[in-house]
Protein backbone atom coordinates (compact mmCIF):
# COMPACT_ATOMS: atom_id res chain seq x y z
CA MET A 1 86.79 154.48 96.30
CA SER A 2 87.63 151.97 98.96
CA MET A 3 85.53 149.11 100.19
CA GLN A 4 85.19 150.42 103.71
CA SER A 5 82.95 149.71 106.65
CA ASN A 6 82.21 153.27 107.78
CA PRO A 7 78.47 153.93 108.17
CA PHE A 8 76.96 155.08 104.90
CA LYS A 9 73.74 156.76 105.86
CA ILE A 10 70.85 157.20 103.44
CA GLY A 11 67.67 159.18 103.93
CA VAL A 12 65.61 161.59 101.83
CA THR A 13 62.41 163.18 103.10
CA THR A 14 62.16 166.18 100.79
CA GLU A 15 63.14 167.52 97.37
CA ILE A 16 64.79 170.63 98.79
CA GLY A 17 66.57 169.78 102.07
CA ARG A 18 70.30 170.48 102.09
CA LEU A 19 71.88 167.86 99.80
CA ARG A 20 74.56 165.77 101.54
CA LYS A 21 75.15 162.71 99.37
CA LEU A 22 74.19 161.68 95.84
CA LEU A 23 75.02 159.21 93.09
CA VAL A 24 76.26 160.54 89.76
CA HIS A 25 77.87 159.14 86.64
CA SER A 26 80.37 161.21 84.71
CA PRO A 27 80.02 161.13 80.90
CA ASP A 28 81.91 158.10 79.61
CA SER A 29 83.32 157.19 76.22
CA GLY A 30 80.05 155.50 75.22
CA LEU A 31 78.43 158.92 74.79
CA GLY A 32 81.03 159.69 72.14
CA LYS A 33 80.01 156.61 70.15
CA VAL A 34 76.28 157.28 69.82
CA VAL A 35 75.50 157.45 66.09
CA PRO A 36 72.64 159.45 64.54
CA SER A 37 70.77 156.36 63.33
CA LYS A 38 70.65 154.96 66.88
CA ALA A 39 70.39 158.15 68.95
CA GLN A 40 66.64 158.01 69.51
CA ASP A 41 66.70 154.26 70.10
CA TRP A 42 69.17 155.04 72.88
CA LEU A 43 66.88 157.88 74.09
CA PHE A 44 69.10 160.76 72.99
CA GLU A 45 67.75 163.51 70.75
CA ASP A 46 71.10 164.10 69.09
CA ILE A 47 74.71 163.06 69.17
CA VAL A 48 76.92 164.97 71.63
CA HIS A 49 80.54 166.14 71.55
CA LEU A 50 82.19 164.19 74.34
CA TYR A 51 85.10 166.54 75.11
CA THR A 52 82.79 169.55 75.39
CA ILE A 53 80.22 167.79 77.51
CA ARG A 54 82.98 166.61 79.89
CA ARG A 55 85.37 169.53 80.08
CA ASN A 56 83.16 172.56 79.47
CA GLU A 57 79.87 171.46 81.05
CA TYR A 58 79.75 168.44 83.36
CA ASP A 59 83.07 169.42 84.90
CA TYR A 60 81.44 172.53 86.40
CA TYR A 61 78.64 170.38 87.82
CA ILE A 62 81.07 168.12 89.67
CA LYS A 63 83.11 171.04 90.97
CA LEU A 64 80.03 172.82 92.28
CA LEU A 65 78.78 169.66 93.97
CA MET A 66 82.18 169.33 95.65
CA TYR A 67 82.07 172.84 97.09
CA PHE A 68 78.64 172.11 98.59
CA LEU A 69 79.03 168.46 99.63
CA ASP A 70 82.75 167.70 99.98
CA PRO A 71 84.72 170.99 100.07
CA GLU A 72 87.90 169.40 101.44
CA LYS A 73 88.32 167.64 98.09
CA ILE A 74 88.42 170.90 96.14
CA LYS A 75 88.84 174.02 98.31
CA GLY A 76 92.34 175.45 97.77
CA LYS A 77 93.06 172.88 95.05
CA LEU A 78 91.12 174.38 92.16
CA ALA A 79 94.16 175.77 90.33
CA ALA A 80 95.81 172.35 90.33
CA ILE A 81 92.59 170.65 89.27
CA ASP A 82 92.19 173.12 86.42
CA SER A 83 95.67 172.57 85.06
CA GLU A 84 95.53 170.90 81.65
CA GLU A 85 97.07 167.62 82.74
CA ALA A 86 95.12 167.20 85.97
CA ASN A 87 91.72 168.31 84.65
CA ARG A 88 91.49 165.45 82.19
CA GLY A 89 91.19 163.07 85.12
CA PHE A 90 89.09 164.96 87.65
CA TYR A 91 85.84 163.55 86.26
CA LYS A 92 87.17 160.24 84.83
CA PRO A 93 86.76 157.45 87.42
CA ASN A 94 89.80 155.36 86.40
CA HIS A 95 92.21 158.30 86.26
CA PRO A 96 94.73 158.80 89.13
CA ASN A 97 93.47 162.38 89.58
CA PHE A 98 89.81 161.40 90.02
CA HIS A 99 88.22 162.98 93.09
CA HIS A 100 86.97 159.76 94.81
CA SER A 101 84.45 161.62 96.92
CA GLU A 102 82.20 159.67 99.27
CA GLN A 103 79.59 162.41 99.11
CA VAL A 104 79.56 162.93 95.34
CA VAL A 105 79.57 159.20 94.65
CA GLU A 106 80.53 157.89 91.21
CA VAL A 107 78.47 154.88 90.07
CA GLN A 108 81.35 153.43 88.04
CA ASN A 109 83.52 153.25 91.17
CA LEU A 110 80.80 151.42 93.08
CA LEU A 111 80.54 148.95 90.23
CA ALA A 112 84.31 148.41 90.21
CA ASP A 113 84.22 147.78 93.97
CA ILE A 114 81.76 144.91 93.73
CA LEU A 115 83.56 143.46 90.69
CA ALA A 116 86.65 143.07 92.90
CA ASP A 117 84.80 140.15 94.49
CA THR A 118 85.42 137.17 92.19
CA SER A 119 82.09 135.50 92.89
CA LYS A 120 80.07 138.66 92.24
CA LYS A 121 82.19 139.39 89.19
CA LYS A 122 81.35 136.00 87.63
CA LYS A 123 77.64 136.34 88.36
CA LEU A 124 77.33 139.87 87.00
CA THR A 125 79.42 139.10 83.93
CA ALA A 126 77.23 136.10 83.16
CA ALA A 127 74.10 138.23 83.58
CA VAL A 128 75.40 141.03 81.33
CA CYS A 129 76.55 138.56 78.69
CA ALA A 130 73.16 136.85 78.76
CA ILE A 131 71.19 140.02 78.04
CA GLU A 132 73.74 141.22 75.47
CA GLY A 133 74.07 137.88 73.64
CA CYS A 134 77.85 137.54 74.09
CA THR A 135 79.75 134.39 73.19
CA TYR A 136 80.93 132.15 75.99
CA LYS A 137 84.58 132.85 75.06
CA LEU A 138 83.97 136.57 75.41
CA GLN A 139 82.32 135.97 78.76
CA LEU A 140 85.43 134.14 80.01
CA LYS A 141 87.64 136.96 78.70
CA LEU A 142 85.58 139.55 80.56
CA ILE A 143 85.79 137.54 83.78
CA ASP A 144 89.59 137.74 83.53
CA THR A 145 89.52 141.53 83.06
CA ASP A 146 90.64 143.93 85.80
CA PRO A 147 87.61 145.07 87.86
CA LYS A 148 88.10 148.80 87.15
CA GLU A 149 88.46 148.17 83.45
CA LEU A 150 85.51 145.78 83.46
CA ALA A 151 83.27 148.37 85.14
CA GLU A 152 84.11 150.79 82.35
CA ILE A 153 83.43 148.13 79.71
CA PHE A 154 80.02 147.29 81.20
CA ILE A 155 79.05 150.97 81.01
CA SER A 156 80.65 152.13 77.75
CA GLY A 157 80.42 148.84 75.85
CA THR A 158 84.02 149.34 74.77
CA MET A 159 87.17 147.30 75.41
CA ALA A 160 90.50 148.92 76.29
CA ASP A 161 91.59 148.71 72.63
CA ASP A 162 88.49 150.77 71.65
CA THR A 163 86.65 147.75 70.25
CA MET A 164 82.91 147.94 70.96
CA ILE A 165 81.43 144.62 72.10
CA PHE A 166 77.93 145.87 72.88
CA ALA A 167 75.91 149.08 72.85
CA PRO A 168 76.73 151.91 75.25
CA ILE A 169 74.27 152.91 77.97
CA PRO A 170 74.49 156.70 77.58
CA ASN A 171 71.48 157.31 79.83
CA LEU A 172 73.41 156.27 82.93
CA ILE A 173 74.40 159.94 83.32
CA PHE A 174 70.74 160.36 84.32
CA THR A 175 71.16 158.50 87.60
CA ARG A 176 67.79 159.74 88.92
CA ASP A 177 66.00 157.26 86.69
CA VAL A 178 67.55 154.11 88.17
CA GLY A 179 65.89 154.56 91.54
CA THR A 180 64.56 156.92 94.18
CA THR A 181 65.47 157.31 97.86
CA ILE A 182 62.28 157.46 99.92
CA ASN A 183 62.99 157.99 103.61
CA GLN A 184 65.46 155.14 104.34
CA TYR A 185 64.28 153.00 101.40
CA ILE A 186 65.33 152.81 97.78
CA LEU A 187 62.68 152.11 95.16
CA LEU A 188 64.34 150.61 92.08
CA ASN A 189 63.13 151.43 88.61
CA LYS A 190 61.59 149.15 86.01
CA PRO A 191 62.51 150.78 82.70
CA ALA A 192 60.13 151.26 79.82
CA LYS A 193 62.80 151.17 77.13
CA LYS A 194 65.15 148.35 76.12
CA ALA A 195 68.07 150.79 76.03
CA ARG A 196 68.03 150.98 79.83
CA VAL A 197 67.96 147.28 80.70
CA ARG A 198 71.71 146.89 81.30
CA GLU A 199 72.04 149.97 83.47
CA THR A 200 69.14 148.72 85.58
CA LEU A 201 70.89 145.37 86.03
CA LEU A 202 74.15 147.07 87.05
CA MET A 203 72.42 149.31 89.57
CA ARG A 204 70.51 146.39 91.06
CA TYR A 205 73.81 144.61 91.71
CA ILE A 206 75.25 147.76 93.28
CA PHE A 207 72.34 148.34 95.66
CA PHE A 208 72.22 144.71 96.76
CA ASN A 209 75.97 144.04 96.94
CA HIS A 210 77.98 147.18 97.73
CA PRO A 211 79.03 147.62 101.40
CA PHE A 212 77.72 151.21 101.32
CA PHE A 213 74.18 149.82 101.15
CA GLU A 214 74.68 146.74 103.31
CA ALA A 215 72.62 148.09 106.19
CA TYR A 216 69.76 148.92 103.80
CA GLN A 217 69.50 145.76 101.71
CA ASN A 218 66.13 144.90 103.24
CA ASN A 219 65.03 148.42 102.30
CA VAL A 220 65.65 148.06 98.57
CA LEU A 221 62.27 147.64 96.90
CA GLU A 222 61.82 145.99 93.49
CA ILE A 223 58.63 146.25 91.47
CA PRO A 224 57.39 142.85 90.29
CA ASP A 225 55.74 142.08 86.96
CA PRO A 226 52.03 141.22 87.07
CA THR A 227 51.24 137.60 87.85
CA GLN A 228 51.55 135.42 84.73
CA HIS A 229 52.32 138.48 82.60
CA PHE A 230 54.08 136.21 80.12
CA LEU A 231 50.71 134.70 79.13
CA ARG A 232 49.33 138.07 78.06
CA PRO A 233 49.45 139.43 74.52
CA GLY A 234 52.84 140.71 73.27
CA ASP A 235 54.29 143.93 74.64
CA GLU A 236 51.05 145.86 74.70
CA PRO A 237 51.47 148.90 77.00
CA SER A 238 48.28 148.05 78.89
CA PHE A 239 49.97 144.93 80.25
CA ARG A 240 53.38 146.41 81.09
CA THR A 241 54.61 147.35 84.52
CA THR A 242 57.13 150.17 84.12
CA LEU A 243 58.45 152.87 86.44
CA GLU A 244 61.41 155.26 86.15
CA GLY A 245 62.88 157.48 88.84
CA GLY A 246 62.17 160.74 87.01
CA ASP A 247 58.50 160.05 87.75
CA VAL A 248 59.00 159.69 91.52
CA MET A 249 59.39 162.64 93.91
CA MET A 250 59.78 162.55 97.69
CA VAL A 251 58.06 165.83 98.55
CA SER A 252 57.55 165.47 102.32
CA PRO A 253 58.39 162.85 104.96
CA ASN A 254 55.28 160.74 104.37
CA HIS A 255 54.30 161.74 100.84
CA VAL A 256 55.53 160.56 97.44
CA LEU A 257 54.43 161.75 94.01
CA ILE A 258 54.41 159.21 91.18
CA GLY A 259 53.91 160.33 87.61
CA VAL A 260 52.09 158.23 85.04
CA SER A 261 53.79 159.24 81.84
CA GLU A 262 55.49 158.05 78.67
CA ARG A 263 57.87 155.99 80.83
CA THR A 264 55.80 154.99 83.89
CA SER A 265 52.62 152.97 83.39
CA GLU A 266 49.51 152.92 85.56
CA GLU A 267 50.44 149.35 86.50
CA GLY A 268 53.90 150.50 87.55
CA ALA A 269 52.46 153.25 89.72
CA ASN A 270 49.96 150.81 91.24
CA GLU A 271 52.65 148.24 92.12
CA ALA A 272 54.83 150.99 93.62
CA ILE A 273 51.96 152.15 95.82
CA LYS A 274 51.45 148.59 97.07
CA LEU A 275 55.15 148.24 97.89
CA LEU A 276 55.35 151.58 99.70
CA PHE A 277 52.21 150.97 101.74
CA ASP A 278 52.91 147.29 102.51
CA ASN A 279 56.40 148.16 103.76
CA HIS A 280 55.13 151.17 105.77
CA VAL A 281 57.46 153.53 103.88
CA VAL A 282 54.97 156.40 103.47
CA ASP A 283 51.35 157.11 104.36
CA LYS A 284 50.38 158.97 101.21
CA VAL A 285 51.03 158.67 97.46
CA THR A 286 49.72 161.06 94.83
CA VAL A 287 49.54 159.82 91.26
CA VAL A 288 49.94 162.63 88.73
CA LYS A 289 48.95 161.57 85.25
CA ILE A 290 50.54 163.64 82.50
CA PRO A 291 50.27 163.20 78.71
CA ALA A 292 52.36 160.26 77.47
CA LYS A 293 54.43 162.40 75.12
CA ARG A 294 58.14 162.46 74.32
CA ASP A 295 58.02 166.22 75.02
CA TYR A 296 57.33 165.50 78.68
CA MET A 297 58.84 162.05 79.25
CA HIS A 298 58.89 162.21 83.09
CA LEU A 299 57.18 164.14 85.86
CA ASP A 300 60.40 166.00 86.66
CA THR A 301 60.56 167.39 83.11
CA VAL A 302 57.36 169.40 83.71
CA PHE A 303 57.86 170.57 87.29
CA THR A 304 60.34 170.55 90.18
CA GLN A 305 60.48 172.24 93.57
CA VAL A 306 62.62 175.30 94.35
CA LYS A 307 61.58 176.29 97.90
CA ARG A 308 58.90 175.13 100.28
CA ASP A 309 56.64 177.80 98.79
CA THR A 310 58.03 177.90 95.23
CA TRP A 311 57.80 175.55 92.23
CA VAL A 312 58.77 175.81 88.56
CA ILE A 313 56.28 174.28 86.13
CA LEU A 314 55.12 174.16 82.53
CA HIS A 315 51.85 176.08 82.43
CA SER A 316 50.13 173.84 79.89
CA ILE A 317 50.12 170.89 82.33
CA ALA A 318 49.50 172.97 85.46
CA HIS A 319 45.74 173.20 84.84
CA SER A 320 43.33 170.90 83.08
CA PRO A 321 41.69 172.29 79.90
CA VAL A 322 38.69 174.56 80.48
CA TYR A 323 37.80 175.24 76.86
CA ASP A 324 36.82 173.31 73.75
CA THR A 325 39.88 171.25 72.92
CA THR A 326 38.63 170.57 69.36
CA GLU A 327 38.77 174.26 68.46
CA PRO A 328 41.63 175.06 66.02
CA ILE A 329 44.49 177.10 67.43
CA HIS A 330 46.87 179.48 65.70
CA PHE A 331 50.29 178.39 66.97
CA LEU A 332 52.00 181.61 65.90
CA LYS A 333 49.71 183.79 68.01
CA GLU A 334 48.28 181.69 70.81
CA PRO A 335 49.91 179.64 73.57
CA GLU A 336 49.79 175.88 73.56
CA LYS A 337 46.56 174.27 74.65
CA LEU A 338 46.35 173.08 78.19
CA GLU A 339 47.11 169.38 78.54
CA ALA A 340 44.75 167.08 80.41
CA THR A 341 46.35 166.13 83.73
CA THR A 342 44.99 164.53 86.88
CA ALA A 343 46.28 164.35 90.46
CA ILE A 344 44.76 161.69 92.73
CA GLN A 345 45.97 161.15 96.30
CA PHE A 346 45.88 157.71 97.95
CA TYR A 347 46.16 157.03 101.69
CA LYS A 348 47.55 153.91 103.39
CA ASP A 349 45.03 154.04 106.22
CA ARG A 350 42.03 155.02 104.05
CA PRO A 351 41.90 152.59 101.13
CA GLY A 352 39.20 153.39 98.61
CA GLN A 353 38.96 157.03 99.68
CA PRO A 354 41.31 158.95 97.36
CA LYS A 355 41.37 162.72 97.15
CA VAL A 356 41.18 164.32 93.70
CA PHE A 357 42.87 167.67 93.08
CA GLU A 358 41.39 170.15 90.65
CA HIS A 359 44.76 170.59 88.94
CA VAL A 360 48.50 170.16 89.56
CA GLU A 361 48.98 173.66 90.98
CA ALA A 362 46.36 172.90 93.63
CA LEU A 363 48.38 169.82 94.62
CA LEU A 364 51.63 171.79 94.85
CA ASP A 365 49.93 174.49 96.92
CA ASP A 366 48.58 171.83 99.29
CA ILE A 367 52.08 170.35 99.73
CA SER A 368 53.64 173.76 100.39
CA ARG A 369 51.07 174.97 102.89
CA ASN A 370 49.78 171.87 104.63
CA GLU A 371 52.82 169.57 104.58
CA LEU A 372 55.87 171.85 104.50
CA GLY A 373 54.43 174.57 106.73
CA SER A 374 54.72 177.48 104.33
CA ASN A 375 53.07 180.61 105.71
CA SER A 376 53.41 182.58 102.48
CA PRO A 377 51.34 182.29 99.29
CA THR A 378 52.64 179.52 97.04
CA ARG A 379 54.64 180.92 94.14
CA ILE A 380 54.57 179.29 90.70
CA ILE A 381 57.35 180.13 88.25
CA TYR A 382 56.42 179.20 84.71
CA SER A 383 58.68 177.80 82.03
CA GLY A 384 59.54 180.49 79.49
CA ASN A 385 57.87 183.05 81.76
CA HIS A 386 54.58 181.70 80.33
CA ILE A 387 55.30 183.33 76.97
CA PHE A 388 54.64 181.34 73.81
CA PRO A 389 56.64 179.81 72.12
CA TYR A 390 59.40 180.13 74.76
CA ASP A 391 57.45 178.12 77.34
CA SER A 392 57.48 175.03 75.13
CA ARG A 393 61.00 175.57 73.78
CA GLU A 394 62.54 176.00 77.21
CA GLN A 395 60.67 173.08 78.76
CA TRP A 396 62.22 170.96 76.00
CA THR A 397 65.64 172.13 77.21
CA ASP A 398 64.81 171.37 80.85
CA SER A 399 63.70 174.70 82.27
CA CYS A 400 61.55 172.73 84.74
CA ASN A 401 64.18 170.12 85.59
CA LEU A 402 66.10 171.81 88.40
CA LEU A 403 68.20 170.30 91.20
CA ALA A 404 68.04 171.90 94.64
CA LEU A 405 71.37 171.89 96.49
CA LYS A 406 69.48 173.40 99.43
CA GLU A 407 66.19 175.19 99.79
CA GLY A 408 66.08 178.04 97.28
CA VAL A 409 69.46 177.28 95.65
CA VAL A 410 68.92 175.43 92.39
CA LEU A 411 70.86 174.46 89.26
CA GLY A 412 69.49 175.02 85.76
CA TYR A 413 70.64 175.47 82.18
CA ASP A 414 71.92 178.85 81.01
CA ARG A 415 70.04 178.67 77.70
CA ASN A 416 66.52 179.14 79.13
CA ASP A 417 66.47 182.94 79.00
CA LYS A 418 62.77 183.61 79.59
CA THR A 419 62.65 181.23 82.54
CA VAL A 420 65.65 183.07 84.00
CA GLU A 421 63.65 186.31 83.65
CA ALA A 422 60.80 184.68 85.58
CA PHE A 423 63.19 183.75 88.40
CA LYS A 424 64.50 187.32 88.51
CA ALA A 425 60.95 188.64 88.69
CA ASN A 426 60.38 186.40 91.71
CA GLY A 427 63.36 187.81 93.60
CA PHE A 428 66.03 185.21 92.82
CA ASN A 429 69.67 186.05 92.32
CA ILE A 430 71.11 184.75 89.05
CA ILE A 431 74.75 183.69 88.86
CA LYS A 432 76.84 181.78 86.35
CA VAL A 433 78.48 178.68 87.76
CA GLN A 434 81.92 179.88 86.64
CA ASP A 435 81.54 183.04 88.75
CA LEU A 436 80.11 181.18 91.72
CA ILE A 437 82.97 178.67 91.75
CA ALA A 438 85.47 181.55 91.68
CA ASP A 439 83.66 183.18 94.62
CA LEU A 440 83.53 179.90 96.57
CA GLU A 441 87.24 179.29 96.00
CA SER A 442 88.27 182.82 96.97
CA GLY A 443 86.02 182.88 100.03
CA ARG A 444 83.93 185.82 98.79
CA THR A 445 80.91 183.59 99.38
CA ASP A 446 80.22 180.21 100.96
CA ALA A 447 77.67 177.44 100.45
CA ALA A 448 76.01 178.00 103.83
CA SER A 449 75.15 181.67 103.23
CA LEU A 450 73.81 181.32 99.68
CA THR A 451 70.04 181.89 99.44
CA ASP A 452 67.39 182.27 96.71
CA THR A 453 69.77 181.68 93.82
CA LEU A 454 69.44 180.17 90.36
CA ILE A 455 72.86 178.88 89.27
CA LEU A 456 73.24 178.87 85.50
CA MET A 457 75.08 175.86 84.10
CA PRO A 458 76.54 175.60 80.56
CA SER A 459 74.28 173.47 78.43
CA ALA A 460 75.07 173.41 74.71
CA GLU A 461 75.84 169.67 74.65
CA LEU A 462 74.18 168.37 77.83
CA SER A 463 70.77 169.63 76.71
CA ARG A 464 70.94 167.49 73.56
CA ALA A 465 70.54 164.42 75.76
CA ARG A 466 67.11 165.63 77.06
CA GLY A 467 67.76 165.79 80.77
CA GLY A 468 68.65 168.46 83.32
CA PHE A 469 70.41 168.33 86.69
CA HIS A 470 67.43 166.82 88.48
CA CYS A 471 67.81 163.89 86.07
CA MET A 472 71.60 163.83 86.55
CA SER A 473 71.39 163.23 90.30
CA LEU A 474 70.23 160.47 92.61
CA PRO A 475 70.13 162.01 96.09
CA ILE A 476 70.65 159.43 98.79
CA LEU A 477 70.98 161.80 101.76
CA ARG A 478 69.38 165.17 102.40
CA ASP A 479 68.86 167.16 105.58
CA GLU A 480 65.29 167.35 106.81
CA LEU A 481 63.58 170.70 106.37
CA SER A 482 63.40 172.74 109.53
CA SER A 483 59.92 173.49 110.82
CA LYS A 484 58.65 177.02 110.34
């Protein structure tokens, strides 16, 4: 990717407007070095097979994104891309055959671009070496490294001779978590886990230093720590300010949802609200508090939007409990108990007058009808078709973590069979990504005409990392929804 001066527009006002530009990170060699004893420390549930995750799974994701966002890079060239020699490089940023799209933007390339500047290279290398505890001699060696190679080292933790000098950052494939585009602003994350500190540092340098974002540098918002936080006891959660992008959703032009979860604290949500209101970014923020459980992790693991009138959600968090939660439950016969959730809406021009929603579904219905202009009854599609134990199993493998390429056209994993049945029952077409790519290449269909479709993506290895395609995308430009 070249350091060019062409306008690089950003702007996201909705979760479902036609996607035009996003940040992604293709699986790097660091994923292939995660060991079982460290997997959960690095926020993976299991180790993954790198070749499979690249060639047989993520590769289809990149190709599909190209047909929708940058067709000139792939249309008519698929046979050449799929040849054995070429395909090894299509998704590897330093390979001569890499796609270099400016719509499907690779984070590693952006990092390499800013490392080409000697001054920035020295500063970032010093910062990385400081947090990773490198020797000064190693720091000098890294400064002398080629920028493209150095970008790969910073991400994978591995030198060109396959020597590891620090831990990988395998979660960088989940670009959603490093920040969120809100109108023409970018809200940066403040990670809850140590494993994500380096990727946060790298992304901060990219947003503040890459020419693509030059016109928006004053629009990059960072969440501060509480005043004199260092005087407070230890690392107690009650004193931590954390926020991750999977807990932030831009649902309408003036409305953001922020989840309080395992990864985003109440303090983090509070500081984000202050930033968004003080900078006049939005008029309304709704805080959705979900159980702080590994099962749920982020807001986007329990619900995402499909159309202006359609959402997919895990039923157990959709409504607050209405029965005695101390009563024993037979897990082989009865569904999971409803989880206590709250949804409280705050207004910039009405401080101290929040609106409380009865449950999450009521919030989603309000967004669909009153903000997005839906004239039809709001449809809720439940994980696992609301059948126990499939609802819980399929939420774990990201049945609720869908990415909308445009309104009604969403990507999800092929393994969530009962959720697929629920989509069928709600009138959606179901197509495997392999078949859709063949149809797009042959001209039998086109991105513009596709409607109400769930695209099934291969998922045997990707799902082990505990994140779906909503997690694996950081939209930076979407079309606004047309009025109805």
